[in-house]
Amino acid sequence: MSIQCHTAAKCRKPKDGLINNSRFCKNHECYQLKRISNSSVCHNQKHCSGQSMCLTNVCVPVQPTSYTCKTQAQCRFGEICKFELCFEPVSILRENEIDGEDLVATEDNNDL
């Protein structure tokens, strides 16, 4: 059973620090951004390797778009220029899906 929420504060967990930035409330349920397994907090793109990007302090998986780039300015908002291609997040949300640390609909009842 997932946590019922009205604000993102209800979805945050003690001791999770900046990872809490990736948690939010939508339709009265807690969600978390899908992130790369075993990734820690990122502060900028340099902290995320390969096909991932730093979004709200977590490395999220990305997929290539159909267009090329030489600079970040050639990509759309929310995308990143890597390997001369614009990349976009694969999936922003994970709903009720269990995958180790990537669980999104949270199961714990912390009242913060």
PDB file of N, CA and C in Angstrom:
ATOM      1  N   MET A   1       0.845  -1.183   0.000  1.00  0.00           N
ATOM      2  CA  MET A   1       0.000   0.000   0.000  1.00  0.00           C
ATOM      3  C   MET A   1       0.888   1.243   0.000  1.00  0.00           C
ATOM      4  N   SER A   2       0.647   2.133  -0.907  1.00  0.00           N
ATOM      5  CA  SER A   2       1.488   3.318  -0.999  1.00  0.00           C
ATOM      6  C   SER A   2       0.989   4.423  -0.079  1.00  0.00           C
ATOM      7  N   ILE A   3       1.873   5.374   0.168  1.00  0.00           N
ATOM      8  CA  ILE A   3       1.565   6.494   1.061  1.00  0.00           C
ATOM      9  C   ILE A   3       0.587   7.446   0.392  1.00  0.00           C
ATOM     10  N   GLN A   4      -0.415   7.880   1.134  1.00  0.00           N
ATOM     11  CA  GLN A   4      -1.322   8.926   0.664  1.00  0.00           C
ATOM     12  C   GLN A   4      -0.673  10.261   0.996  1.00  0.00           C
ATOM     13  N   CYS A   5      -0.658  11.193   0.045  1.00  0.00           N
ATOM     14  CA  CYS A   5       0.020  12.463   0.268  1.00  0.00           C
ATOM     15  C   CYS A   5      -0.761  13.617  -0.345  1.00  0.00           C
ATOM     16  N   HIS A   6      -0.421  14.812   0.126  1.00  0.00           N
ATOM     17  CA  HIS A   6      -0.941  16.045  -0.460  1.00  0.00           C
ATOM     18  C   HIS A   6       0.218  16.942  -0.890  1.00  0.00           C
ATOM     19  N   THR A   7       1.401  16.700  -0.305  1.00  0.00           N
ATOM     20  CA  THR A   7       2.601  17.467  -0.650  1.00  0.00           C
ATOM     21  C   THR A   7       3.804  16.529  -0.740  1.00  0.00           C
ATOM     22  N   ALA A   8       4.870  16.986  -1.377  1.00  0.00           N
ATOM     23  CA  ALA A   8       6.094  16.193  -1.514  1.00  0.00           C
ATOM     24  C   ALA A   8       6.734  15.899  -0.162  1.00  0.00           C
ATOM     25  N   ALA A   9       6.529  16.765   0.817  1.00  0.00           N
ATOM     26  CA  ALA A   9       7.125  16.570   2.145  1.00  0.00           C
ATOM     27  C   ALA A   9       6.710  15.233   2.748  1.00  0.00           C
ATOM     28  N   LYS A  10       5.508  14.803   2.504  1.00  0.00           N
ATOM     29  CA  LYS A  10       5.011  13.526   3.035  1.00  0.00           C
ATOM     30  C   LYS A  10       5.772  12.341   2.419  1.00  0.00           C
ATOM     31  N   CYS A  11       6.325  12.520   1.238  1.00  0.00           N
ATOM     32  CA  CYS A  11       7.003  11.440   0.515  1.00  0.00           C
ATOM     33  C   CYS A  11       8.486  11.313   0.858  1.00  0.00           C
ATOM     34  N   ARG A  12       9.034  12.305   1.511  1.00  0.00           N
ATOM     35  CA  ARG A  12      10.466  12.306   1.814  1.00  0.00           C
ATOM     36  C   ARG A  12      10.790  11.398   2.986  1.00  0.00           C
ATOM     37  N   LYS A  13      12.026  10.886   2.992  1.00  0.00           N
ATOM     38  CA  LYS A  13      12.471   9.963   4.030  1.00  0.00           C
ATOM     39  C   LYS A  13      13.644  10.562   4.796  1.00  0.00           C
ATOM     40  N   PRO A  14      13.683  10.337   6.105  1.00  0.00           N
ATOM     41  CA  PRO A  14      14.820  10.830   6.886  1.00  0.00           C
ATOM     42  C   PRO A  14      16.120  10.199   6.378  1.00  0.00           C
ATOM     43  N   LYS A  15      17.192  10.904   6.472  1.00  0.00           N
ATOM     44  CA  LYS A  15      18.538  10.436   6.122  1.00  0.00           C
ATOM     45  C   LYS A  15      18.761  10.245   4.624  1.00  0.00           C
ATOM     46  N   ASP A  16      17.817  10.609   3.757  1.00  0.00           N
ATOM     47  CA  ASP A  16      18.016  10.448   2.314  1.00  0.00           C
ATOM     48  C   ASP A  16      18.555  11.706   1.648  1.00  0.00           C
ATOM     49  N   GLY A  17      18.704  12.776   2.392  1.00  0.00           N
ATOM     50  CA  GLY A  17      19.333  13.993   1.887  1.00  0.00           C
ATOM     51  C   GLY A  17      18.793  14.464   0.554  1.00  0.00           C
ATOM     52  N   LEU A  18      19.714  14.723  -0.392  1.00  0.00           N
ATOM     53  CA  LEU A  18      19.333  15.281  -1.691  1.00  0.00           C
ATOM     54  C   LEU A  18      18.498  14.332  -2.548  1.00  0.00           C
ATOM     55  N   ILE A  19      18.546  13.038  -2.263  1.00  0.00           N
ATOM     56  CA  ILE A  19      17.708  12.090  -3.024  1.00  0.00           C
ATOM     57  C   ILE A  19      16.237  12.442  -2.827  1.00  0.00           C
ATOM     58  N   ASN A  20      15.910  13.063  -1.702  1.00  0.00           N
ATOM     59  CA  ASN A  20      14.522  13.486  -1.470  1.00  0.00           C
ATOM     60  C   ASN A  20      14.030  14.468  -2.534  1.00  0.00           C
ATOM     61  N   ASN A  21      14.943  15.175  -3.208  1.00  0.00           N
ATOM     62  CA  ASN A  21      14.535  16.088  -4.280  1.00  0.00           C
ATOM     63  C   ASN A  21      13.867  15.355  -5.433  1.00  0.00           C
ATOM     64  N   SER A  22      14.104  14.051  -5.546  1.00  0.00           N
ATOM     65  CA  SER A  22      13.514  13.273  -6.637  1.00  0.00           C
ATOM     66  C   SER A  22      12.179  12.640  -6.248  1.00  0.00           C
ATOM     67  N   ARG A  23      11.704  12.922  -5.048  1.00  0.00           N
ATOM     68  CA  ARG A  23      10.414  12.386  -4.592  1.00  0.00           C
ATOM     69  C   ARG A  23       9.354  13.470  -4.648  1.00  0.00           C
ATOM     70  N   PHE A  24       8.152  13.092  -5.040  1.00  0.00           N
ATOM     71  CA  PHE A  24       7.067  14.067  -5.137  1.00  0.00           C
ATOM     72  C   PHE A  24       5.713  13.386  -5.021  1.00  0.00           C
ATOM     73  N   CYS A  25       4.685  14.190  -4.865  1.00  0.00           N
ATOM     74  CA  CYS A  25       3.313  13.713  -4.708  1.00  0.00           C
ATOM     75  C   CYS A  25       2.542  13.994  -5.993  1.00  0.00           C
ATOM     76  N   LYS A  26       1.879  12.979  -6.521  1.00  0.00           N
ATOM     77  CA  LYS A  26       1.048  13.138  -7.717  1.00  0.00           C
ATOM     78  C   LYS A  26      -0.204  12.297  -7.533  1.00  0.00           C
ATOM     79  N   ASN A  27      -1.352  12.917  -7.725  1.00  0.00           N
ATOM     80  CA  ASN A  27      -2.635  12.222  -7.550  1.00  0.00           C
ATOM     81  C   ASN A  27      -2.728  11.532  -6.189  1.00  0.00           C
ATOM     82  N   HIS A  28      -2.218  12.196  -5.159  1.00  0.00           N
ATOM     83  CA  HIS A  28      -2.261  11.726  -3.768  1.00  0.00           C
ATOM     84  C   HIS A  28      -1.439  10.461  -3.522  1.00  0.00           C
ATOM     85  N   GLU A  29      -0.449  10.175  -4.382  1.00  0.00           N
ATOM     86  CA  GLU A  29       0.464   9.054  -4.173  1.00  0.00           C
ATOM     87  C   GLU A  29       1.891   9.560  -4.285  1.00  0.00           C
ATOM     88  N   CYS A  30       2.810   8.927  -3.537  1.00  0.00           N
ATOM     89  CA  CYS A  30       4.220   9.296  -3.581  1.00  0.00           C
ATOM     90  C   CYS A  30       4.925   8.588  -4.732  1.00  0.00           C
ATOM     91  N   TYR A  31       5.751   9.349  -5.449  1.00  0.00           N
ATOM     92  CA  TYR A  31       6.543   8.818  -6.554  1.00  0.00           C
ATOM     93  C   TYR A  31       7.976   9.300  -6.429  1.00  0.00           C
ATOM     94  N   GLN A  32       8.845   8.626  -7.157  1.00  0.00           N
ATOM     95  CA  GLN A  32      10.250   9.006  -7.205  1.00  0.00           C
ATOM     96  C   GLN A  32      10.710   8.893  -8.650  1.00  0.00           C
ATOM     97  N   LEU A  33      11.615   9.775  -9.072  1.00  0.00           N
ATOM     98  CA  LEU A  33      12.174   9.676 -10.416  1.00  0.00           C
ATOM     99  C   LEU A  33      12.878   8.339 -10.581  1.00  0.00           C
ATOM    100  N   LYS A  34      12.728   7.748 -11.737  1.00  0.00           N
ATOM    101  CA  LYS A  34      13.466   6.532 -12.050  1.00  0.00           C
ATOM    102  C   LYS A  34      14.938   6.921 -12.089  1.00  0.00           C
ATOM    103  N   ARG A  35      15.793   6.131 -11.473  1.00  0.00           N
ATOM    104  CA  ARG A  35      17.211   6.482 -11.471  1.00  0.00           C
ATOM    105  C   ARG A  35      18.082   5.283 -11.802  1.00  0.00           C
ATOM    106  N   ILE A  36      19.318   5.557 -12.146  1.00  0.00           N
ATOM    107  CA  ILE A  36      20.285   4.514 -12.469  1.00  0.00           C
ATOM    108  C   ILE A  36      20.587   3.742 -11.191  1.00  0.00           C
ATOM    109  N   SER A  37      20.531   2.409 -11.253  1.00  0.00           N
ATOM    110  CA  SER A  37      20.825   1.577 -10.086  1.00  0.00           C
ATOM    111  C   SER A  37      22.212   1.888  -9.549  1.00  0.00           C
ATOM    112  N   ASN A  38      22.344   1.855  -8.254  1.00  0.00           N
ATOM    113  CA  ASN A  38      23.602   2.095  -7.541  1.00  0.00           C
ATOM    114  C   ASN A  38      24.167   3.499  -7.738  1.00  0.00           C
ATOM    115  N   SER A  39      23.377   4.421  -8.266  1.00  0.00           N
ATOM    116  CA  SER A  39      23.892   5.781  -8.419  1.00  0.00           C
ATOM    117  C   SER A  39      23.652   6.563  -7.139  1.00  0.00           C
ATOM    118  N   SER A  40      24.590   7.414  -6.832  1.00  0.00           N
ATOM    119  CA  SER A  40      24.424   8.255  -5.658  1.00  0.00           C
ATOM    120  C   SER A  40      23.935   9.623  -6.117  1.00  0.00           C
ATOM    121  N   VAL A  41      24.010  10.579  -5.263  1.00  0.00           N
ATOM    122  CA  VAL A  41      23.559  11.936  -5.559  1.00  0.00           C
ATOM    123  C   VAL A  41      24.471  12.569  -6.613  1.00  0.00           C
ATOM    124  N   CYS A  42      23.878  13.319  -7.531  1.00  0.00           N
ATOM    125  CA  CYS A  42      24.675  14.086  -8.497  1.00  0.00           C
ATOM    126  C   CYS A  42      24.405  15.571  -8.285  1.00  0.00           C
ATOM    127  N   HIS A  43      25.419  16.371  -8.535  1.00  0.00           N
ATOM    128  CA  HIS A  43      25.277  17.822  -8.425  1.00  0.00           C
ATOM    129  C   HIS A  43      25.349  18.485  -9.794  1.00  0.00           C
ATOM    130  N   ASN A  44      25.910  17.765 -10.764  1.00  0.00           N
ATOM    131  CA  ASN A  44      25.965  18.249 -12.142  1.00  0.00           C
ATOM    132  C   ASN A  44      26.164  17.054 -13.062  1.00  0.00           C
ATOM    133  N   GLN A  45      26.172  17.313 -14.350  1.00  0.00           N
ATOM    134  CA  GLN A  45      26.247  16.241 -15.342  1.00  0.00           C
ATOM    135  C   GLN A  45      27.523  15.412 -15.231  1.00  0.00           C
ATOM    136  N   LYS A  46      28.608  15.980 -14.740  1.00  0.00           N
ATOM    137  CA  LYS A  46      29.872  15.250 -14.626  1.00  0.00           C
ATOM    138  C   LYS A  46      29.764  14.047 -13.690  1.00  0.00           C
ATOM    139  N   HIS A  47      28.797  14.050 -12.786  1.00  0.00           N
ATOM    140  CA  HIS A  47      28.622  12.945 -11.846  1.00  0.00           C
ATOM    141  C   HIS A  47      27.875  11.760 -12.457  1.00  0.00           C
ATOM    142  N   CYS A  48      27.308  11.915 -13.650  1.00  0.00           N
ATOM    143  CA  CYS A  48      26.534  10.851 -14.300  1.00  0.00           C
ATOM    144  C   CYS A  48      27.274  10.390 -15.551  1.00  0.00           C
ATOM    145  N   SER A  49      27.492   9.090 -15.668  1.00  0.00           N
ATOM    146  CA  SER A  49      28.255   8.564 -16.797  1.00  0.00           C
ATOM    147  C   SER A  49      27.349   7.913 -17.840  1.00  0.00           C
ATOM    148  N   GLY A  50      27.926   7.638 -18.994  1.00  0.00           N
ATOM    149  CA  GLY A  50      27.214   6.914 -20.049  1.00  0.00           C
ATOM    150  C   GLY A  50      25.910   7.571 -20.449  1.00  0.00           C
ATOM    151  N   GLN A  51      24.904   6.749 -20.670  1.00  0.00           N
ATOM    152  CA  GLN A  51      23.600   7.242 -21.090  1.00  0.00           C
ATOM    153  C   GLN A  51      22.740   7.590 -19.886  1.00  0.00           C
ATOM    154  N   SER A  52      23.159   8.640 -19.174  1.00  0.00           N
ATOM    155  CA  SER A  52      22.381   9.140 -18.041  1.00  0.00           C
ATOM    156  C   SER A  52      22.587  10.644 -17.935  1.00  0.00           C
ATOM    157  N   MET A  53      21.696  11.297 -17.204  1.00  0.00           N
ATOM    158  CA  MET A  53      21.819  12.736 -16.977  1.00  0.00           C
ATOM    159  C   MET A  53      21.424  13.057 -15.549  1.00  0.00           C
ATOM    160  N   CYS A  54      21.943  14.166 -15.029  1.00  0.00           N
ATOM    161  CA  CYS A  54      21.641  14.601 -13.672  1.00  0.00           C
ATOM    162  C   CYS A  54      20.349  15.424 -13.689  1.00  0.00           C
ATOM    163  N   LEU A  55      19.346  14.941 -12.977  1.00  0.00           N
ATOM    164  CA  LEU A  55      18.051  15.607 -12.903  1.00  0.00           C
ATOM    165  C   LEU A  55      17.596  15.586 -11.453  1.00  0.00           C
ATOM    166  N   THR A  56      17.366  16.721 -10.867  1.00  0.00           N
ATOM    167  CA  THR A  56      17.009  16.888  -9.447  1.00  0.00           C
ATOM    168  C   THR A  56      17.859  16.021  -8.520  1.00  0.00           C
ATOM    169  N   ASN A  57      19.161  16.079  -8.721  1.00  0.00           N
ATOM    170  CA  ASN A  57      20.163  15.429  -7.871  1.00  0.00           C
ATOM    171  C   ASN A  57      20.226  13.910  -7.969  1.00  0.00           C
ATOM    172  N   VAL A  58      19.651  13.301  -9.007  1.00  0.00           N
ATOM    173  CA  VAL A  58      19.813  11.860  -9.245  1.00  0.00           C
ATOM    174  C   VAL A  58      20.152  11.633 -10.720  1.00  0.00           C
ATOM    175  N   CYS A  59      20.938  10.587 -10.991  1.00  0.00           N
ATOM    176  CA  CYS A  59      21.259  10.219 -12.375  1.00  0.00           C
ATOM    177  C   CYS A  59      20.110   9.386 -12.924  1.00  0.00           C
ATOM    178  N   VAL A  60      19.499   9.869 -13.993  1.00  0.00           N
ATOM    179  CA  VAL A  60      18.369   9.164 -14.606  1.00  0.00           C
ATOM    180  C   VAL A  60      18.787   8.642 -15.979  1.00  0.00           C
ATOM    181  N   PRO A  61      18.253   7.473 -16.385  1.00  0.00           N
ATOM    182  CA  PRO A  61      18.600   6.925 -17.700  1.00  0.00           C
ATOM    183  C   PRO A  61      18.021   7.781 -18.823  1.00  0.00           C
ATOM    184  N   VAL A  62      18.760   7.874 -19.937  1.00  0.00           N
ATOM    185  CA  VAL A  62      18.314   8.655 -21.092  1.00  0.00           C
ATOM    186  C   VAL A  62      18.376   7.809 -22.359  1.00  0.00           C
ATOM    187  N   GLN A  63      17.628   8.246 -23.361  1.00  0.00           N
ATOM    188  CA  GLN A  63      17.646   7.588 -24.666  1.00  0.00           C
ATOM    189  C   GLN A  63      17.883   8.648 -25.739  1.00  0.00           C
ATOM    190  N   PRO A  64      18.506   8.253 -26.868  1.00  0.00           N
ATOM    191  CA  PRO A  64      18.775   9.242 -27.908  1.00  0.00           C
ATOM    192  C   PRO A  64      17.495   9.683 -28.612  1.00  0.00           C
ATOM    193  N   THR A  65      17.474  10.945 -29.012  1.00  0.00           N
ATOM    194  CA  THR A  65      16.384  11.450 -29.843  1.00  0.00           C
ATOM    195  C   THR A  65      16.794  11.228 -31.302  1.00  0.00           C
ATOM    196  N   SER A  66      16.024  11.720 -32.222  1.00  0.00           N
ATOM    197  CA  SER A  66      16.322  11.509 -33.643  1.00  0.00           C
ATOM    198  C   SER A  66      17.180  12.619 -34.249  1.00  0.00           C
ATOM    199  N   TYR A  67      17.697  13.546 -33.423  1.00  0.00           N
ATOM    200  CA  TYR A  67      18.479  14.647 -33.979  1.00  0.00           C
ATOM    201  C   TYR A  67      19.833  14.784 -33.296  1.00  0.00           C
ATOM    202  N   THR A  68      20.782  15.359 -34.056  1.00  0.00           N
ATOM    203  CA  THR A  68      22.159  15.503 -33.590  1.00  0.00           C
ATOM    204  C   THR A  68      22.390  16.886 -32.981  1.00  0.00           C
ATOM    205  N   CYS A  69      23.532  17.025 -32.307  1.00  0.00           N
ATOM    206  CA  CYS A  69      23.887  18.304 -31.687  1.00  0.00           C
ATOM    207  C   CYS A  69      25.402  18.426 -31.599  1.00  0.00           C
ATOM    208  N   LYS A  70      25.854  19.640 -31.568  1.00  0.00           N
ATOM    209  CA  LYS A  70      27.265  19.949 -31.289  1.00  0.00           C
ATOM    210  C   LYS A  70      27.366  20.653 -29.941  1.00  0.00           C
ATOM    211  N   THR A  71      26.283  21.345 -29.551  1.00  0.00           N
ATOM    212  CA  THR A  71      26.241  22.066 -28.275  1.00  0.00           C
ATOM    213  C   THR A  71      24.901  21.814 -27.587  1.00  0.00           C
ATOM    214  N   GLN A  72      24.865  22.068 -26.296  1.00  0.00           N
ATOM    215  CA  GLN A  72      23.650  21.902 -25.500  1.00  0.00           C
ATOM    216  C   GLN A  72      22.501  22.763 -26.030  1.00  0.00           C
ATOM    217  N   ALA A  73      22.814  23.925 -26.578  1.00  0.00           N
ATOM    218  CA  ALA A  73      21.787  24.851 -27.079  1.00  0.00           C
ATOM    219  C   ALA A  73      20.971  24.261 -28.233  1.00  0.00           C
ATOM    220  N   GLN A  74      21.484  23.224 -28.880  1.00  0.00           N
ATOM    221  CA  GLN A  74      20.773  22.607 -30.001  1.00  0.00           C
ATOM    222  C   GLN A  74      19.747  21.572 -29.553  1.00  0.00           C
ATOM    223  N   CYS A  75      19.727  21.247 -28.268  1.00  0.00           N
ATOM    224  CA  CYS A  75      18.758  20.287 -27.728  1.00  0.00           C
ATOM    225  C   CYS A  75      17.590  21.031 -27.094  1.00  0.00           C
ATOM    226  N   ARG A  76      16.478  20.349 -26.952  1.00  0.00           N
ATOM    227  CA  ARG A  76      15.286  20.940 -26.348  1.00  0.00           C
ATOM    228  C   ARG A  76      15.417  20.983 -24.829  1.00  0.00           C
ATOM    229  N   PHE A  77      14.515  21.742 -24.212  1.00  0.00           N
ATOM    230  CA  PHE A  77      14.468  21.828 -22.753  1.00  0.00           C
ATOM    231  C   PHE A  77      14.299  20.425 -22.169  1.00  0.00           C
ATOM    232  N   GLY A  78      15.079  20.089 -21.146  1.00  0.00           N
ATOM    233  CA  GLY A  78      14.995  18.781 -20.501  1.00  0.00           C
ATOM    234  C   GLY A  78      15.831  17.708 -21.171  1.00  0.00           C
ATOM    235  N   GLU A  79      16.557  18.061 -22.219  1.00  0.00           N
ATOM    236  CA  GLU A  79      17.424  17.116 -22.914  1.00  0.00           C
ATOM    237  C   GLU A  79      18.881  17.501 -22.677  1.00  0.00           C
ATOM    238  N   ILE A  80      19.784  16.600 -23.067  1.00  0.00           N
ATOM    239  CA  ILE A  80      21.211  16.859 -22.912  1.00  0.00           C
ATOM    240  C   ILE A  80      21.938  16.435 -24.181  1.00  0.00           C
ATOM    241  N   CYS A  81      22.971  17.179 -24.541  1.00  0.00           N
ATOM    242  CA  CYS A  81      23.798  16.854 -25.706  1.00  0.00           C
ATOM    243  C   CYS A  81      24.965  15.984 -25.238  1.00  0.00           C
ATOM    244  N   LYS A  82      24.994  14.728 -25.693  1.00  0.00           N
ATOM    245  CA  LYS A  82      26.063  13.778 -25.368  1.00  0.00           C
ATOM    246  C   LYS A  82      26.379  12.982 -26.620  1.00  0.00           C
ATOM    247  N   PHE A  83      27.646  12.736 -26.875  1.00  0.00           N
ATOM    248  CA  PHE A  83      28.057  11.915 -28.018  1.00  0.00           C
ATOM    249  C   PHE A  83      27.490  12.465 -29.335  1.00  0.00           C
ATOM    250  N   GLU A  84      27.332  13.787 -29.421  1.00  0.00           N
ATOM    251  CA  GLU A  84      26.794  14.490 -30.589  1.00  0.00           C
ATOM    252  C   GLU A  84      25.347  14.109 -30.926  1.00  0.00           C
ATOM    253  N   LEU A  85      24.609  13.671 -29.916  1.00  0.00           N
ATOM    254  CA  LEU A  85      23.176  13.392 -30.047  1.00  0.00           C
ATOM    255  C   LEU A  85      22.451  14.046 -28.886  1.00  0.00           C
ATOM    256  N   CYS A  86      21.215  14.476 -29.112  1.00  0.00           N
ATOM    257  CA  CYS A  86      20.381  14.954 -28.008  1.00  0.00           C
ATOM    258  C   CYS A  86      19.734  13.740 -27.356  1.00  0.00           C
ATOM    259  N   PHE A  87      19.795  13.681 -26.035  1.00  0.00           N
ATOM    260  CA  PHE A  87      19.201  12.587 -25.276  1.00  0.00           C
ATOM    261  C   PHE A  87      18.084  13.137 -24.402  1.00  0.00           C
ATOM    262  N   GLU A  88      17.053  12.312 -24.174  1.00  0.00           N
ATOM    263  CA  GLU A  88      15.935  12.665 -23.304  1.00  0.00           C
ATOM    264  C   GLU A  88      15.765  11.572 -22.252  1.00  0.00           C
ATOM    265  N   PRO A  89      15.183  11.886 -21.087  1.00  0.00           N
ATOM    266  CA  PRO A  89      14.953  10.849 -20.076  1.00  0.00           C
ATOM    267  C   PRO A  89      14.107   9.712 -20.640  1.00  0.00           C
ATOM    268  N   VAL A  90      14.473   8.465 -20.287  1.00  0.00           N
ATOM    269  CA  VAL A  90      13.731   7.286 -20.745  1.00  0.00           C
ATOM    270  C   VAL A  90      12.334   7.296 -20.167  1.00  0.00           C
ATOM    271  N   SER A  91      12.247   7.487 -18.872  1.00  0.00           N
ATOM    272  CA  SER A  91      10.964   7.482 -18.192  1.00  0.00           C
ATOM    273  C   SER A  91      11.119   8.355 -16.963  1.00  0.00           C
ATOM    274  N   ILE A  92      10.215   9.276 -16.776  1.00  0.00           N
ATOM    275  CA  ILE A  92      10.308  10.147 -15.613  1.00  0.00           C
ATOM    276  C   ILE A  92       9.793   9.438 -14.367  1.00  0.00           C
ATOM    277  N   LEU A  93       8.726   8.692 -14.485  1.00  0.00           N
ATOM    278  CA  LEU A  93       8.115   8.045 -13.326  1.00  0.00           C
ATOM    279  C   LEU A  93       8.152   6.538 -13.429  1.00  0.00           C
ATOM    280  N   ARG A  94       8.163   5.921 -12.302  1.00  0.00           N
ATOM    281  CA  ARG A  94       7.932   4.499 -12.184  1.00  0.00           C
ATOM    282  C   ARG A  94       6.725   4.349 -11.296  1.00  0.00           C
ATOM    283  N   GLU A  95       5.674   3.765 -11.776  1.00  0.00           N
ATOM    284  CA  GLU A  95       4.480   3.583 -10.967  1.00  0.00           C
ATOM    285  C   GLU A  95       4.394   2.147 -10.478  1.00  0.00           C
ATOM    286  N   ASN A  96       4.310   1.973  -9.177  1.00  0.00           N
ATOM    287  CA  ASN A  96       4.081   0.670  -8.559  1.00  0.00           C
ATOM    288  C   ASN A  96       4.946  -0.434  -9.153  1.00  0.00           C
ATOM    289  N   GLU A  97       6.203  -0.133  -9.414  1.00  0.00           N
ATOM    290  CA  GLU A  97       7.112  -1.097 -10.007  1.00  0.00           C
ATOM    291  C   GLU A  97       8.274  -1.322  -9.059  1.00  0.00           C
ATOM    292  N   ILE A  98       8.577  -2.556  -8.741  1.00  0.00           N
ATOM    293  CA  ILE A  98       9.661  -2.863  -7.812  1.00  0.00           C
ATOM    294  C   ILE A  98      10.903  -3.233  -8.610  1.00  0.00           C
ATOM    295  N   ASP A  99      12.013  -2.545  -8.318  1.00  0.00           N
ATOM    296  CA  ASP A  99      13.287  -2.821  -8.963  1.00  0.00           C
ATOM    297  C   ASP A  99      14.391  -2.373  -8.016  1.00  0.00           C
ATOM    298  N   GLY A 100      14.543  -3.082  -6.920  1.00  0.00           N
ATOM    299  CA  GLY A 100      15.559  -2.728  -5.936  1.00  0.00           C
ATOM    300  C   GLY A 100      15.335  -1.339  -5.383  1.00  0.00           C
ATOM    301  N   GLU A 101      16.361  -0.487  -5.467  1.00  0.00           N
ATOM    302  CA  GLU A 101      16.275   0.871  -4.946  1.00  0.00           C
ATOM    303  C   GLU A 101      15.387   1.778  -5.781  1.00  0.00           C
ATOM    304  N   ASP A 102      14.991   1.323  -6.963  1.00  0.00           N
ATOM    305  CA  ASP A 102      14.243   2.184  -7.865  1.00  0.00           C
ATOM    306  C   ASP A 102      12.741   2.177  -7.602  1.00  0.00           C
ATOM    307  N   LEU A 103      12.318   1.652  -6.472  1.00  0.00           N
ATOM    308  CA  LEU A 103      10.894   1.642  -6.142  1.00  0.00           C
ATOM    309  C   LEU A 103      10.376   3.065  -6.107  1.00  0.00           C
ATOM    310  N   VAL A 104       9.282   3.304  -6.787  1.00  0.00           N
ATOM    311  CA  VAL A 104       8.779   4.664  -6.844  1.00  0.00           C
ATOM    312  C   VAL A 104       7.594   4.904  -5.952  1.00  0.00           C
ATOM    313  N   ALA A 105       6.572   4.113  -6.042  1.00  0.00           N
ATOM    314  CA  ALA A 105       5.451   4.306  -5.133  1.00  0.00           C
ATOM    315  C   ALA A 105       5.955   3.829  -3.778  1.00  0.00           C
ATOM    316  N   THR A 106       6.189   4.735  -2.870  1.00  0.00           N
ATOM    317  CA  THR A 106       6.843   4.404  -1.605  1.00  0.00           C
ATOM    318  C   THR A 106       5.929   3.621  -0.678  1.00  0.00           C
ATOM    319  N   GLU A 107       6.561   2.781   0.129  1.00  0.00           N
ATOM    320  CA  GLU A 107       5.815   1.878   0.987  1.00  0.00           C
ATOM    321  C   GLU A 107       5.882   2.251   2.457  1.00  0.00           C
ATOM    322  N   ASP A 108       6.671   3.252   2.809  1.00  0.00           N
ATOM    323  CA  ASP A 108       6.856   3.499   4.225  1.00  0.00           C
ATOM    324  C   ASP A 108       6.053   4.710   4.664  1.00  0.00           C
ATOM    325  N   ASN A 109       5.598   4.698   5.889  1.00  0.00           N
ATOM    326  CA  ASN A 109       4.675   5.729   6.365  1.00  0.00           C
ATOM    327  C   ASN A 109       5.348   6.771   7.240  1.00  0.00           C
ATOM    328  N   ASN A 110       6.292   7.488   6.708  1.00  0.00           N
ATOM    329  CA  ASN A 110       6.965   8.548   7.469  1.00  0.00           C
ATOM    330  C   ASN A 110       6.137   9.814   7.421  1.00  0.00           C
ATOM    331  N   ASP A 111       5.796  10.340   8.550  1.00  0.00           N
ATOM    332  CA  ASP A 111       5.116  11.634   8.623  1.00  0.00           C
ATOM    333  C   ASP A 111       6.156  12.688   8.918  1.00  0.00           C
ATOM    334  N   LEU A 112       6.648  13.352   7.912  1.00  0.00           N
ATOM    335  CA  LEU A 112       7.703  14.350   8.118  1.00  0.00           C
ATOM    336  C   LEU A 112       7.123  15.727   8.168  1.00  0.00           C
TER     337      LEU A 112
END
